[in-house]
Amino acid sequence: MTLDFTLRLEIAGPDNTKAEVTLGETTSIGRQAGNDIVLNDQRISRQHAVIVCSAGACHITDLGSSNGTYVAGERIPANVPTHVTPGAEVTLGSYTLSLRAEPLPQDEAERAPGPVPQDERPLPASAQPVPPKAEEPAAARATDEPHREVPASTPPPPNRRLPPPDDDLINPESAVPSRRLLSYLPGIYHTEFMSRFLGIFEATLTPIEWTIGNFDLFLDPGTAPSGFLTWLAGWFDLALDPSWSDTQRRQLLREAHAIYARRGTRWSLSRVLEIYTGDAPQVDDTDPSLEPFTFKVTLPHRAAKVGRELIEHLIDAHKPAHTTYTLEFT
């Protein structure tokens, strides 16, 4: 099928930078040099995603990136081709990619080959008129006497080509062609089948290499995947409550080193409660009316809004063990 349009990718980056590229059959995207599209962002993996276009349709595959690929605001699963329609926005780190179908110029559309009319199609070889054979000289016939011409009715030789590979072994619709392992083989092995066959192993090995190469992003609470935050919290013997939002968890882990260095102080307790509630509480341990080793915590919230049980749990975890307290909500 001949297309009367080209597929282009609009790239909008930070600081209002914009670029536009024409998509080929396969387009790789990543932070590392050598990709078809190089995006300089620490939240983008070295080999982040690949876009495959055929018959006017494009599919994007996230190659196991650390921070994921988002289509229309939803994160797509890794190593699964996802259809992208013109106009849909694809987000990678701080970059936004938009697919656009651009019509061909009129002169190019006219020159594009189309279907051949029935009466203009070439005849099959068996129906082609055979030109008359010139009379050979007698001397030539005497020289070629041992040669016998093959009668026209002799059937053609059988087809010796091997059948295509079994679909159960390799599925060309879902397999991503190899982009690296194939380069280690001699040129005689650079075939489509070998490329897709090695792509099976590359799809398994490459995400592991990318994870190891970008492991520094896992150790930063600002860039670590949400599922990895619980493991980081274990470094401080801290159990994250399910009611905490993703933003609250990341902020607590950013300041955990300072909070735990001053654990048991008024500042430490006040800062933990402020991260959870969004407002700084009042912690008073100088009121003469208080009992010895007793302090009062006042929060500018209703108990039902922030959860009294969780507040009491946070205070018990960060107060000095020999003290007691009273909790008030205003």
C-alpha atoms as a PDB file:
ATOM      1  CA  MET A   1       0.000   0.000   0.000  1.00  0.00           C
ATOM      2  CA  THR A   2       1.344   3.450  -0.943  1.00  0.00           C
ATOM      3  CA  LEU A   3       0.992   6.160   1.690  1.00  0.00           C
ATOM      4  CA  ASP A   4       0.164   9.749   0.730  1.00  0.00           C
ATOM      5  CA  PHE A   5       1.595  11.138   3.981  1.00  0.00           C
ATOM      6  CA  THR A   6       4.773  11.017   6.057  1.00  0.00           C
ATOM      7  CA  LEU A   7       5.019  10.426   9.810  1.00  0.00           C
ATOM      8  CA  ARG A   8       6.889  13.093  11.730  1.00  0.00           C
ATOM      9  CA  LEU A   9       7.692  13.383  15.432  1.00  0.00           C
ATOM     10  CA  GLU A  10       7.548  16.757  17.172  1.00  0.00           C
ATOM     11  CA  ILE A  11       9.840  16.957  20.232  1.00  0.00           C
ATOM     12  CA  ALA A  12       9.247  19.616  22.913  1.00  0.00           C
ATOM     13  CA  GLY A  13      11.936  19.811  25.576  1.00  0.00           C
ATOM     14  CA  PRO A  14      12.737  21.948  28.617  1.00  0.00           C
ATOM     15  CA  ASP A  15      13.226  25.705  28.193  1.00  0.00           C
ATOM     16  CA  ASN A  16      10.686  25.649  25.308  1.00  0.00           C
ATOM     17  CA  THR A  17      13.141  23.935  22.940  1.00  0.00           C
ATOM     18  CA  LYS A  18      11.498  22.237  19.956  1.00  0.00           C
ATOM     19  CA  ALA A  19      12.664  19.888  17.213  1.00  0.00           C
ATOM     20  CA  GLU A  20      11.080  17.751  14.501  1.00  0.00           C
ATOM     21  CA  VAL A  21      12.247  14.516  12.893  1.00  0.00           C
ATOM     22  CA  THR A  22      10.876  12.209  10.198  1.00  0.00           C
ATOM     23  CA  LEU A  23      10.239   8.674  11.441  1.00  0.00           C
ATOM     24  CA  GLY A  24      11.701   5.718   9.599  1.00  0.00           C
ATOM     25  CA  GLU A  25      10.818   2.073   9.996  1.00  0.00           C
ATOM     26  CA  THR A  26      12.655   1.859  13.341  1.00  0.00           C
ATOM     27  CA  THR A  27      13.632   4.844  15.517  1.00  0.00           C
ATOM     28  CA  SER A  28      15.539   4.412  18.791  1.00  0.00           C
ATOM     29  CA  ILE A  29      15.320   6.959  21.630  1.00  0.00           C
ATOM     30  CA  GLY A  30      17.685   7.318  24.584  1.00  0.00           C
ATOM     31  CA  ARG A  31      20.251   9.355  26.457  1.00  0.00           C
ATOM     32  CA  GLN A  32      23.290   7.597  25.007  1.00  0.00           C
ATOM     33  CA  ALA A  33      24.950   8.665  21.775  1.00  0.00           C
ATOM     34  CA  GLY A  34      24.215   6.312  18.904  1.00  0.00           C
ATOM     35  CA  ASN A  35      20.420   6.439  19.238  1.00  0.00           C
ATOM     36  CA  ASP A  36      18.410   7.882  16.372  1.00  0.00           C
ATOM     37  CA  ILE A  37      17.003  10.475  18.803  1.00  0.00           C
ATOM     38  CA  VAL A  38      19.297  11.521  21.686  1.00  0.00           C
ATOM     39  CA  LEU A  39      17.560  13.280  24.626  1.00  0.00           C
ATOM     40  CA  ASN A  40      19.866  14.741  27.286  1.00  0.00           C
ATOM     41  CA  ASP A  41      17.954  14.103  30.508  1.00  0.00           C
ATOM     42  CA  GLN A  42      19.075  12.069  33.531  1.00  0.00           C
ATOM     43  CA  ARG A  43      15.543  10.685  33.864  1.00  0.00           C
ATOM     44  CA  ILE A  44      15.839   9.126  30.409  1.00  0.00           C
ATOM     45  CA  SER A  45      17.699   5.814  30.213  1.00  0.00           C
ATOM     46  CA  ARG A  46      20.629   5.249  27.881  1.00  0.00           C
ATOM     47  CA  GLN A  47      18.409   3.069  25.671  1.00  0.00           C
ATOM     48  CA  HIS A  48      14.915   4.210  26.637  1.00  0.00           C
ATOM     49  CA  ALA A  49      12.399   3.305  23.913  1.00  0.00           C
ATOM     50  CA  VAL A  50      12.001   2.358  20.249  1.00  0.00           C
ATOM     51  CA  ILE A  51       9.321   3.396  17.738  1.00  0.00           C
ATOM     52  CA  VAL A  52       8.476   0.969  14.920  1.00  0.00           C
ATOM     53  CA  CYS A  53       6.314   2.213  12.029  1.00  0.00           C
ATOM     54  CA  SER A  54       4.817   0.084   9.259  1.00  0.00           C
ATOM     55  CA  ALA A  55       1.804   0.485   6.955  1.00  0.00           C
ATOM     56  CA  GLY A  56       1.112   3.941   8.383  1.00  0.00           C
ATOM     57  CA  ALA A  57       0.830   2.726  12.014  1.00  0.00           C
ATOM     58  CA  CYS A  58       3.386   3.317  14.780  1.00  0.00           C
ATOM     59  CA  HIS A  59       4.054   1.362  17.976  1.00  0.00           C
ATOM     60  CA  ILE A  60       6.315   2.521  20.801  1.00  0.00           C
ATOM     61  CA  THR A  61       8.043   0.031  23.104  1.00  0.00           C
ATOM     62  CA  ASP A  62       9.521   1.013  26.443  1.00  0.00           C
ATOM     63  CA  LEU A  63      12.802  -0.898  26.747  1.00  0.00           C
ATOM     64  CA  GLY A  64      12.677  -1.392  30.528  1.00  0.00           C
ATOM     65  CA  SER A  65      13.558   2.231  31.389  1.00  0.00           C
ATOM     66  CA  SER A  66      13.934   3.295  35.021  1.00  0.00           C
ATOM     67  CA  ASN A  67      11.402   6.129  34.932  1.00  0.00           C
ATOM     68  CA  GLY A  68       9.051   4.731  32.319  1.00  0.00           C
ATOM     69  CA  THR A  69       7.343   5.981  29.162  1.00  0.00           C
ATOM     70  CA  TYR A  70       3.929   7.656  29.300  1.00  0.00           C
ATOM     71  CA  VAL A  71       1.367   7.716  26.479  1.00  0.00           C
ATOM     72  CA  ALA A  72      -1.549  10.126  27.011  1.00  0.00           C
ATOM     73  CA  GLY A  73      -0.539  10.431  30.673  1.00  0.00           C
ATOM     74  CA  GLU A  74      -0.507   6.686  31.426  1.00  0.00           C
ATOM     75  CA  ARG A  75       2.655   4.647  31.926  1.00  0.00           C
ATOM     76  CA  ILE A  76       2.951   1.836  29.391  1.00  0.00           C
ATOM     77  CA  PRO A  77       4.267  -1.602  30.375  1.00  0.00           C
ATOM     78  CA  ALA A  78       7.908  -2.385  29.577  1.00  0.00           C
ATOM     79  CA  ASN A  79       8.810  -4.416  26.469  1.00  0.00           C
ATOM     80  CA  VAL A  80       5.212  -4.370  25.181  1.00  0.00           C
ATOM     81  CA  PRO A  81       4.523  -2.508  21.870  1.00  0.00           C
ATOM     82  CA  THR A  82       1.875   0.196  22.388  1.00  0.00           C
ATOM     83  CA  HIS A  83      -0.015   1.763  19.481  1.00  0.00           C
ATOM     84  CA  VAL A  84       0.453   5.538  19.104  1.00  0.00           C
ATOM     85  CA  THR A  85      -2.070   7.524  17.080  1.00  0.00           C
ATOM     86  CA  PRO A  86      -1.294  10.915  15.457  1.00  0.00           C
ATOM     87  CA  GLY A  87      -1.793  13.667  18.020  1.00  0.00           C
ATOM     88  CA  ALA A  88      -1.144  11.484  21.073  1.00  0.00           C
ATOM     89  CA  GLU A  89       1.491  12.829  23.472  1.00  0.00           C
ATOM     90  CA  VAL A  90       4.361  10.627  24.612  1.00  0.00           C
ATOM     91  CA  THR A  91       6.288  11.765  27.710  1.00  0.00           C
ATOM     92  CA  LEU A  92       9.883  10.735  28.482  1.00  0.00           C
ATOM     93  CA  GLY A  93      11.447  12.598  31.402  1.00  0.00           C
ATOM     94  CA  SER A  94      11.102  16.331  30.685  1.00  0.00           C
ATOM     95  CA  TYR A  95      10.466  15.793  26.963  1.00  0.00           C
ATOM     96  CA  THR A  96       7.083  15.568  25.225  1.00  0.00           C
ATOM     97  CA  LEU A  97       6.842  13.800  21.854  1.00  0.00           C
ATOM     98  CA  SER A  98       3.864  14.184  19.515  1.00  0.00           C
ATOM     99  CA  LEU A  99       3.235  12.062  16.421  1.00  0.00           C
ATOM    100  CA  ARG A 100       1.985  13.938  13.352  1.00  0.00           C
ATOM    101  CA  ALA A 101       0.932  12.723   9.893  1.00  0.00           C
ATOM    102  CA  GLU A 102       2.015  15.253   7.257  1.00  0.00           C
ATOM    103  CA  PRO A 103       0.528  15.002   3.713  1.00  0.00           C
ATOM    104  CA  LEU A 104       2.987  14.629   0.845  1.00  0.00           C
ATOM    105  CA  PRO A 105       3.403  17.579  -1.552  1.00  0.00           C
ATOM    106  CA  GLN A 106       1.095  17.399  -4.571  1.00  0.00           C
ATOM    107  CA  ASP A 107       3.868  16.644  -7.080  1.00  0.00           C
ATOM    108  CA  GLU A 108       5.235  13.800  -4.935  1.00  0.00           C
ATOM    109  CA  ALA A 109       1.772  12.352  -4.412  1.00  0.00           C
ATOM    110  CA  GLU A 110       1.210  12.336  -8.175  1.00  0.00           C
ATOM    111  CA  ARG A 111       4.541  10.572  -8.764  1.00  0.00           C
ATOM    112  CA  ALA A 112       3.864   7.951  -6.082  1.00  0.00           C
ATOM    113  CA  PRO A 113       3.198   4.578  -7.703  1.00  0.00           C
ATOM    114  CA  GLY A 114      -0.378   3.394  -7.459  1.00  0.00           C
ATOM    115  CA  PRO A 115      -2.249   0.235  -8.423  1.00  0.00           C
ATOM    116  CA  VAL A 116      -1.794  -0.762 -12.062  1.00  0.00           C
ATOM    117  CA  PRO A 117      -5.032  -0.914 -14.086  1.00  0.00           C
ATOM    118  CA  GLN A 118      -6.136  -4.383 -15.098  1.00  0.00           C
ATOM    119  CA  ASP A 119      -5.648  -3.761 -18.845  1.00  0.00           C
ATOM    120  CA  GLU A 120      -2.134  -2.322 -18.327  1.00  0.00           C
ATOM    121  CA  ARG A 121      -0.696  -5.116 -16.209  1.00  0.00           C
ATOM    122  CA  PRO A 122       2.088  -7.165 -17.888  1.00  0.00           C
ATOM    123  CA  LEU A 123       1.096 -10.547 -19.195  1.00  0.00           C
ATOM    124  CA  PRO A 124       2.446 -13.656 -17.484  1.00  0.00           C
ATOM    125  CA  ALA A 125       5.510 -15.238 -19.020  1.00  0.00           C
ATOM    126  CA  SER A 126       3.489 -18.076 -20.500  1.00  0.00           C
ATOM    127  CA  ALA A 127       1.288 -15.599 -22.399  1.00  0.00           C
ATOM    128  CA  GLN A 128       4.063 -13.363 -23.749  1.00  0.00           C
ATOM    129  CA  PRO A 129       4.449 -13.529 -27.545  1.00  0.00           C
ATOM    130  CA  VAL A 130       7.627 -15.406 -28.498  1.00  0.00           C
ATOM    131  CA  PRO A 131       9.659 -13.677 -31.215  1.00  0.00           C
ATOM    132  CA  PRO A 132      10.456 -15.878 -34.217  1.00  0.00           C
ATOM    133  CA  LYS A 133      13.804 -17.602 -34.004  1.00  0.00           C
ATOM    134  CA  ALA A 134      16.345 -16.677 -36.682  1.00  0.00           C
ATOM    135  CA  GLU A 135      17.531 -19.396 -39.006  1.00  0.00           C
ATOM    136  CA  GLU A 136      20.911 -20.653 -37.821  1.00  0.00           C
ATOM    137  CA  PRO A 137      23.649 -21.219 -40.377  1.00  0.00           C
ATOM    138  CA  ALA A 138      24.347 -24.794 -41.348  1.00  0.00           C
ATOM    139  CA  ALA A 139      27.901 -24.568 -40.005  1.00  0.00           C
ATOM    140  CA  ALA A 140      26.601 -23.537 -36.629  1.00  0.00           C
ATOM    141  CA  ARG A 141      24.103 -26.415 -36.604  1.00  0.00           C
ATOM    142  CA  ALA A 142      26.889 -28.869 -37.404  1.00  0.00           C
ATOM    143  CA  THR A 143      29.069 -27.503 -34.598  1.00  0.00           C
ATOM    144  CA  ASP A 144      26.262 -27.690 -32.046  1.00  0.00           C
ATOM    145  CA  GLU A 145      25.110 -31.156 -33.118  1.00  0.00           C
ATOM    146  CA  PRO A 146      25.673 -32.775 -29.685  1.00  0.00           C
ATOM    147  CA  HIS A 147      23.412 -30.132 -28.068  1.00  0.00           C
ATOM    148  CA  ARG A 148      19.746 -31.053 -27.793  1.00  0.00           C
ATOM    149  CA  GLU A 149      17.213 -28.285 -27.166  1.00  0.00           C
ATOM    150  CA  VAL A 150      14.817 -28.824 -24.234  1.00  0.00           C
ATOM    151  CA  PRO A 151      11.247 -29.171 -25.425  1.00  0.00           C
ATOM    152  CA  ALA A 152       8.918 -26.311 -24.474  1.00  0.00           C
ATOM    153  CA  SER A 153       6.702 -28.708 -22.535  1.00  0.00           C
ATOM    154  CA  THR A 154       9.463 -29.648 -20.028  1.00  0.00           C
ATOM    155  CA  PRO A 155       8.336 -28.589 -16.479  1.00  0.00           C
ATOM    156  CA  PRO A 156      10.466 -26.023 -14.584  1.00  0.00           C
ATOM    157  CA  PRO A 157      12.886 -27.288 -11.898  1.00  0.00           C
ATOM    158  CA  PRO A 158      11.433 -27.647  -8.371  1.00  0.00           C
ATOM    159  CA  ASN A 159      11.744 -24.777  -5.859  1.00  0.00           C
ATOM    160  CA  ARG A 160      14.694 -25.551  -3.569  1.00  0.00           C
ATOM    161  CA  ARG A 161      14.210 -22.568  -1.214  1.00  0.00           C
ATOM    162  CA  LEU A 162      13.822 -23.343   2.481  1.00  0.00           C
ATOM    163  CA  PRO A 163      10.455 -22.625   4.115  1.00  0.00           C
ATOM    164  CA  PRO A 164      10.179 -19.549   6.375  1.00  0.00           C
ATOM    165  CA  PRO A 165      10.928 -19.985  10.110  1.00  0.00           C
ATOM    166  CA  ASP A 166       8.212 -21.396  12.319  1.00  0.00           C
ATOM    167  CA  ASP A 167       5.937 -18.707  13.775  1.00  0.00           C
ATOM    168  CA  ASP A 168       6.081 -20.453  17.157  1.00  0.00           C
ATOM    169  CA  LEU A 169       9.833 -19.790  17.299  1.00  0.00           C
ATOM    170  CA  ILE A 170       9.761 -16.127  16.381  1.00  0.00           C
ATOM    171  CA  ASN A 171       6.812 -13.753  16.074  1.00  0.00           C
ATOM    172  CA  PRO A 172       7.736 -10.889  13.702  1.00  0.00           C
ATOM    173  CA  GLU A 173       4.786  -8.822  14.918  1.00  0.00           C
ATOM    174  CA  SER A 174       6.063  -8.527  18.513  1.00  0.00           C
ATOM    175  CA  ALA A 175       9.822  -9.244  18.436  1.00  0.00           C
ATOM    176  CA  VAL A 176      12.075  -6.176  18.528  1.00  0.00           C
ATOM    177  CA  PRO A 177      15.030  -6.545  16.113  1.00  0.00           C
ATOM    178  CA  SER A 178      18.490  -6.790  17.652  1.00  0.00           C
ATOM    179  CA  ARG A 179      20.461  -3.559  17.571  1.00  0.00           C
ATOM    180  CA  ARG A 180      23.645  -4.609  19.361  1.00  0.00           C
ATOM    181  CA  LEU A 181      24.195  -8.378  19.508  1.00  0.00           C
ATOM    182  CA  LEU A 182      23.922  -8.675  15.731  1.00  0.00           C
ATOM    183  CA  SER A 183      26.973  -6.427  15.312  1.00  0.00           C
ATOM    184  CA  TYR A 184      29.184  -9.134  16.855  1.00  0.00           C
ATOM    185  CA  LEU A 185      28.415 -11.578  14.029  1.00  0.00           C
ATOM    186  CA  PRO A 186      29.951 -11.680  10.532  1.00  0.00           C
ATOM    187  CA  GLY A 187      28.005  -9.982   7.764  1.00  0.00           C
ATOM    188  CA  ILE A 188      26.734 -13.275   6.354  1.00  0.00           C
ATOM    189  CA  TYR A 189      24.512 -13.641   9.442  1.00  0.00           C
ATOM    190  CA  HIS A 190      22.978 -10.156   9.178  1.00  0.00           C
ATOM    191  CA  THR A 191      19.539 -11.383   8.147  1.00  0.00           C
ATOM    192  CA  GLU A 192      16.078 -10.391   9.304  1.00  0.00           C
ATOM    193  CA  PHE A 193      15.506 -13.757  10.985  1.00  0.00           C
ATOM    194  CA  MET A 194      18.827 -13.624  12.898  1.00  0.00           C
ATOM    195  CA  SER A 195      18.119 -10.016  13.914  1.00  0.00           C
ATOM    196  CA  ARG A 196      14.746 -10.946  15.407  1.00  0.00           C
ATOM    197  CA  PHE A 197      16.098 -14.167  16.921  1.00  0.00           C
ATOM    198  CA  LEU A 198      18.847 -12.281  18.782  1.00  0.00           C
ATOM    199  CA  GLY A 199      16.280  -9.663  19.741  1.00  0.00           C
ATOM    200  CA  ILE A 200      14.684 -12.225  22.079  1.00  0.00           C
ATOM    201  CA  PHE A 201      17.904 -12.480  24.119  1.00  0.00           C
ATOM    202  CA  GLU A 202      18.670  -8.777  23.819  1.00  0.00           C
ATOM    203  CA  ALA A 203      15.237  -7.898  25.211  1.00  0.00           C
ATOM    204  CA  THR A 204      16.102  -9.924  28.325  1.00  0.00           C
ATOM    205  CA  LEU A 205      19.742  -8.914  28.773  1.00  0.00           C
ATOM    206  CA  THR A 206      19.588  -5.229  27.872  1.00  0.00           C
ATOM    207  CA  PRO A 207      17.112  -4.093  30.603  1.00  0.00           C
ATOM    208  CA  ILE A 208      19.377  -5.710  33.200  1.00  0.00           C
ATOM    209  CA  GLU A 209      22.376  -3.789  31.862  1.00  0.00           C
ATOM    210  CA  TRP A 210      20.378  -0.554  31.799  1.00  0.00           C
ATOM    211  CA  THR A 211      19.246  -1.057  35.392  1.00  0.00           C
ATOM    212  CA  ILE A 212      22.839  -1.564  36.541  1.00  0.00           C
ATOM    213  CA  GLY A 213      24.066   1.401  34.476  1.00  0.00           C
ATOM    214  CA  ASN A 214      21.408   3.715  35.985  1.00  0.00           C
ATOM    215  CA  PHE A 215      21.416   2.348  39.531  1.00  0.00           C
ATOM    216  CA  ASP A 216      22.470   5.747  40.892  1.00  0.00           C
ATOM    217  CA  LEU A 217      18.943   6.972  40.049  1.00  0.00           C
ATOM    218  CA  PHE A 218      17.496   4.274  42.314  1.00  0.00           C
ATOM    219  CA  LEU A 219      19.401   5.687  45.301  1.00  0.00           C
ATOM    220  CA  ASP A 220      17.969   9.217  44.886  1.00  0.00           C
ATOM    221  CA  PRO A 221      14.506   9.644  46.478  1.00  0.00           C
ATOM    222  CA  GLY A 222      13.660  12.164  43.750  1.00  0.00           C
ATOM    223  CA  THR A 223      14.218   9.755  40.821  1.00  0.00           C
ATOM    224  CA  ALA A 224      13.764   6.286  42.374  1.00  0.00           C
ATOM    225  CA  PRO A 225      10.708   4.262  41.227  1.00  0.00           C
ATOM    226  CA  SER A 226       7.794   4.364  43.652  1.00  0.00           C
ATOM    227  CA  GLY A 227       8.141   0.674  44.449  1.00  0.00           C
ATOM    228  CA  PHE A 228      11.786   1.192  45.453  1.00  0.00           C
ATOM    229  CA  LEU A 229      11.023   3.808  48.152  1.00  0.00           C
ATOM    230  CA  THR A 230      10.118   1.131  50.709  1.00  0.00           C
ATOM    231  CA  TRP A 231      13.564  -0.430  50.273  1.00  0.00           C
ATOM    232  CA  LEU A 232      15.250   2.960  50.783  1.00  0.00           C
ATOM    233  CA  ALA A 233      13.169   3.520  53.924  1.00  0.00           C
ATOM    234  CA  GLY A 234      14.557   0.266  55.310  1.00  0.00           C
ATOM    235  CA  TRP A 235      17.986   1.917  55.524  1.00  0.00           C
ATOM    236  CA  PHE A 236      16.584   4.061  58.355  1.00  0.00           C
ATOM    237  CA  ASP A 237      14.497   1.250  59.874  1.00  0.00           C
ATOM    238  CA  LEU A 238      11.462   3.258  58.788  1.00  0.00           C
ATOM    239  CA  ALA A 239       8.123   1.678  57.812  1.00  0.00           C
ATOM    240  CA  LEU A 240       6.203   3.901  55.390  1.00  0.00           C
ATOM    241  CA  ASP A 241       2.501   4.037  56.205  1.00  0.00           C
ATOM    242  CA  PRO A 242       0.185   3.201  53.246  1.00  0.00           C
ATOM    243  CA  SER A 243      -1.718   6.470  53.813  1.00  0.00           C
ATOM    244  CA  TRP A 244       1.382   8.538  52.924  1.00  0.00           C
ATOM    245  CA  SER A 245       1.362   9.945  49.416  1.00  0.00           C
ATOM    246  CA  ASP A 246       4.260   9.448  47.011  1.00  0.00           C
ATOM    247  CA  THR A 247       5.304  13.097  47.465  1.00  0.00           C
ATOM    248  CA  GLN A 248       5.308  12.797  51.273  1.00  0.00           C
ATOM    249  CA  ARG A 249       7.416   9.622  51.145  1.00  0.00           C
ATOM    250  CA  ARG A 250      10.035  11.178  48.872  1.00  0.00           C
ATOM    251  CA  GLN A 251      10.257  14.314  51.035  1.00  0.00           C
ATOM    252  CA  LEU A 252      10.677  12.244  54.214  1.00  0.00           C
ATOM    253  CA  LEU A 253      13.478  10.192  52.625  1.00  0.00           C
ATOM    254  CA  ARG A 254      15.246  13.348  51.395  1.00  0.00           C
ATOM    255  CA  GLU A 255      15.427  14.678  54.962  1.00  0.00           C
ATOM    256  CA  ALA A 256      15.755  11.346  56.775  1.00  0.00           C
ATOM    257  CA  HIS A 257      19.488  11.803  57.413  1.00  0.00           C
ATOM    258  CA  ALA A 258      18.892  15.150  59.179  1.00  0.00           C
ATOM    259  CA  ILE A 259      15.775  13.963  61.038  1.00  0.00           C
ATOM    260  CA  TYR A 260      17.463  10.848  62.386  1.00  0.00           C
ATOM    261  CA  ALA A 261      20.590  12.758  63.356  1.00  0.00           C
ATOM    262  CA  ARG A 262      18.404  14.907  65.673  1.00  0.00           C
ATOM    263  CA  ARG A 263      15.907  12.230  66.642  1.00  0.00           C
ATOM    264  CA  GLY A 264      14.275  12.836  70.016  1.00  0.00           C
ATOM    265  CA  THR A 265      14.416  16.638  69.713  1.00  0.00           C
ATOM    266  CA  ARG A 266      11.613  19.151  69.277  1.00  0.00           C
ATOM    267  CA  TRP A 267      12.794  20.023  65.749  1.00  0.00           C
ATOM    268  CA  SER A 268      12.846  16.404  64.588  1.00  0.00           C
ATOM    269  CA  LEU A 269       9.330  15.686  65.867  1.00  0.00           C
ATOM    270  CA  SER A 270       7.965  18.941  64.456  1.00  0.00           C
ATOM    271  CA  ARG A 271       9.509  18.333  61.012  1.00  0.00           C
ATOM    272  CA  VAL A 272       8.065  14.806  60.673  1.00  0.00           C
ATOM    273  CA  LEU A 273       4.569  16.025  61.580  1.00  0.00           C
ATOM    274  CA  GLU A 274       4.906  18.957  59.179  1.00  0.00           C
ATOM    275  CA  ILE A 275       5.806  16.668  56.254  1.00  0.00           C
ATOM    276  CA  TYR A 276       2.743  14.518  56.940  1.00  0.00           C
ATOM    277  CA  THR A 277       0.147  17.243  57.691  1.00  0.00           C
ATOM    278  CA  GLY A 278       1.531  20.059  55.516  1.00  0.00           C
ATOM    279  CA  ASP A 279       1.572  22.540  58.434  1.00  0.00           C
ATOM    280  CA  ALA A 280       4.064  23.074  61.240  1.00  0.00           C
ATOM    281  CA  PRO A 281       2.712  21.937  64.649  1.00  0.00           C
ATOM    282  CA  GLN A 282       3.343  23.610  67.992  1.00  0.00           C
ATOM    283  CA  VAL A 283       5.456  21.556  70.394  1.00  0.00           C
ATOM    284  CA  ASP A 284       5.536  23.052  73.906  1.00  0.00           C
ATOM    285  CA  ASP A 285       7.626  21.558  76.723  1.00  0.00           C
ATOM    286  CA  THR A 286       8.113  24.745  78.809  1.00  0.00           C
ATOM    287  CA  ASP A 287       4.565  25.341  80.076  1.00  0.00           C
ATOM    288  CA  PRO A 288       4.695  25.393  83.911  1.00  0.00           C
ATOM    289  CA  SER A 289       1.296  23.712  84.088  1.00  0.00           C
ATOM    290  CA  LEU A 290       2.631  20.553  82.428  1.00  0.00           C
ATOM    291  CA  GLU A 291       3.662  17.514  84.432  1.00  0.00           C
ATOM    292  CA  PRO A 292       7.389  16.660  84.527  1.00  0.00           C
ATOM    293  CA  PHE A 293       8.690  15.009  81.354  1.00  0.00           C
ATOM    294  CA  THR A 294       5.479  15.961  79.550  1.00  0.00           C
ATOM    295  CA  PHE A 295       5.030  18.086  76.447  1.00  0.00           C
ATOM    296  CA  LYS A 296       2.029  19.255  74.424  1.00  0.00           C
ATOM    297  CA  VAL A 297       1.547  18.951  70.662  1.00  0.00           C
ATOM    298  CA  THR A 298      -1.006  21.232  68.957  1.00  0.00           C
ATOM    299  CA  LEU A 299      -1.991  20.666  65.325  1.00  0.00           C
ATOM    300  CA  PRO A 300      -4.030  23.150  63.224  1.00  0.00           C
ATOM    301  CA  HIS A 301      -6.182  20.334  61.812  1.00  0.00           C
ATOM    302  CA  ARG A 302      -9.182  18.270  62.689  1.00  0.00           C
ATOM    303  CA  ALA A 303      -8.437  14.802  64.013  1.00  0.00           C
ATOM    304  CA  ALA A 304     -10.610  13.123  61.350  1.00  0.00           C
ATOM    305  CA  LYS A 305      -8.759  14.887  58.529  1.00  0.00           C
ATOM    306  CA  VAL A 306      -5.214  13.781  59.360  1.00  0.00           C
ATOM    307  CA  GLY A 307      -5.869  10.597  61.346  1.00  0.00           C
ATOM    308  CA  ARG A 308      -5.314  10.744  65.102  1.00  0.00           C
ATOM    309  CA  GLU A 309      -3.936   7.198  65.347  1.00  0.00           C
ATOM    310  CA  LEU A 310      -1.215   7.856  62.755  1.00  0.00           C
ATOM    311  CA  ILE A 311      -0.255  11.143  64.434  1.00  0.00           C
ATOM    312  CA  GLU A 312       0.115   9.376  67.769  1.00  0.00           C
ATOM    313  CA  HIS A 313       2.190   6.653  66.109  1.00  0.00           C
ATOM    314  CA  LEU A 314       4.556   9.264  64.609  1.00  0.00           C
ATOM    315  CA  ILE A 315       4.935  11.049  67.958  1.00  0.00           C
ATOM    316  CA  ASP A 316       5.658   7.768  69.794  1.00  0.00           C
ATOM    317  CA  ALA A 317       8.325   6.886  67.194  1.00  0.00           C
ATOM    318  CA  HIS A 318      10.167  10.235  67.394  1.00  0.00           C
ATOM    319  CA  LYS A 319       9.808  11.404  71.002  1.00  0.00           C
ATOM    320  CA  PRO A 320      12.253  10.587  73.835  1.00  0.00           C
ATOM    321  CA  ALA A 321      11.345   7.256  75.380  1.00  0.00           C
ATOM    322  CA  HIS A 322      11.039   8.628  78.956  1.00  0.00           C
ATOM    323  CA  THR A 323       8.525  11.381  78.071  1.00  0.00           C
ATOM    324  CA  THR A 324       4.751  11.556  77.649  1.00  0.00           C
ATOM    325  CA  TYR A 325       2.565  14.055  75.807  1.00  0.00           C
ATOM    326  CA  THR A 326      -0.892  15.482  75.190  1.00  0.00           C
ATOM    327  CA  LEU A 327      -2.290  15.957  71.689  1.00  0.00           C
ATOM    328  CA  GLU A 328      -4.720  18.740  70.740  1.00  0.00           C
ATOM    329  CA  PHE A 329      -6.347  19.707  67.414  1.00  0.00           C
ATOM    330  CA  THR A 330      -7.480  23.269  66.653  1.00  0.00           C
END
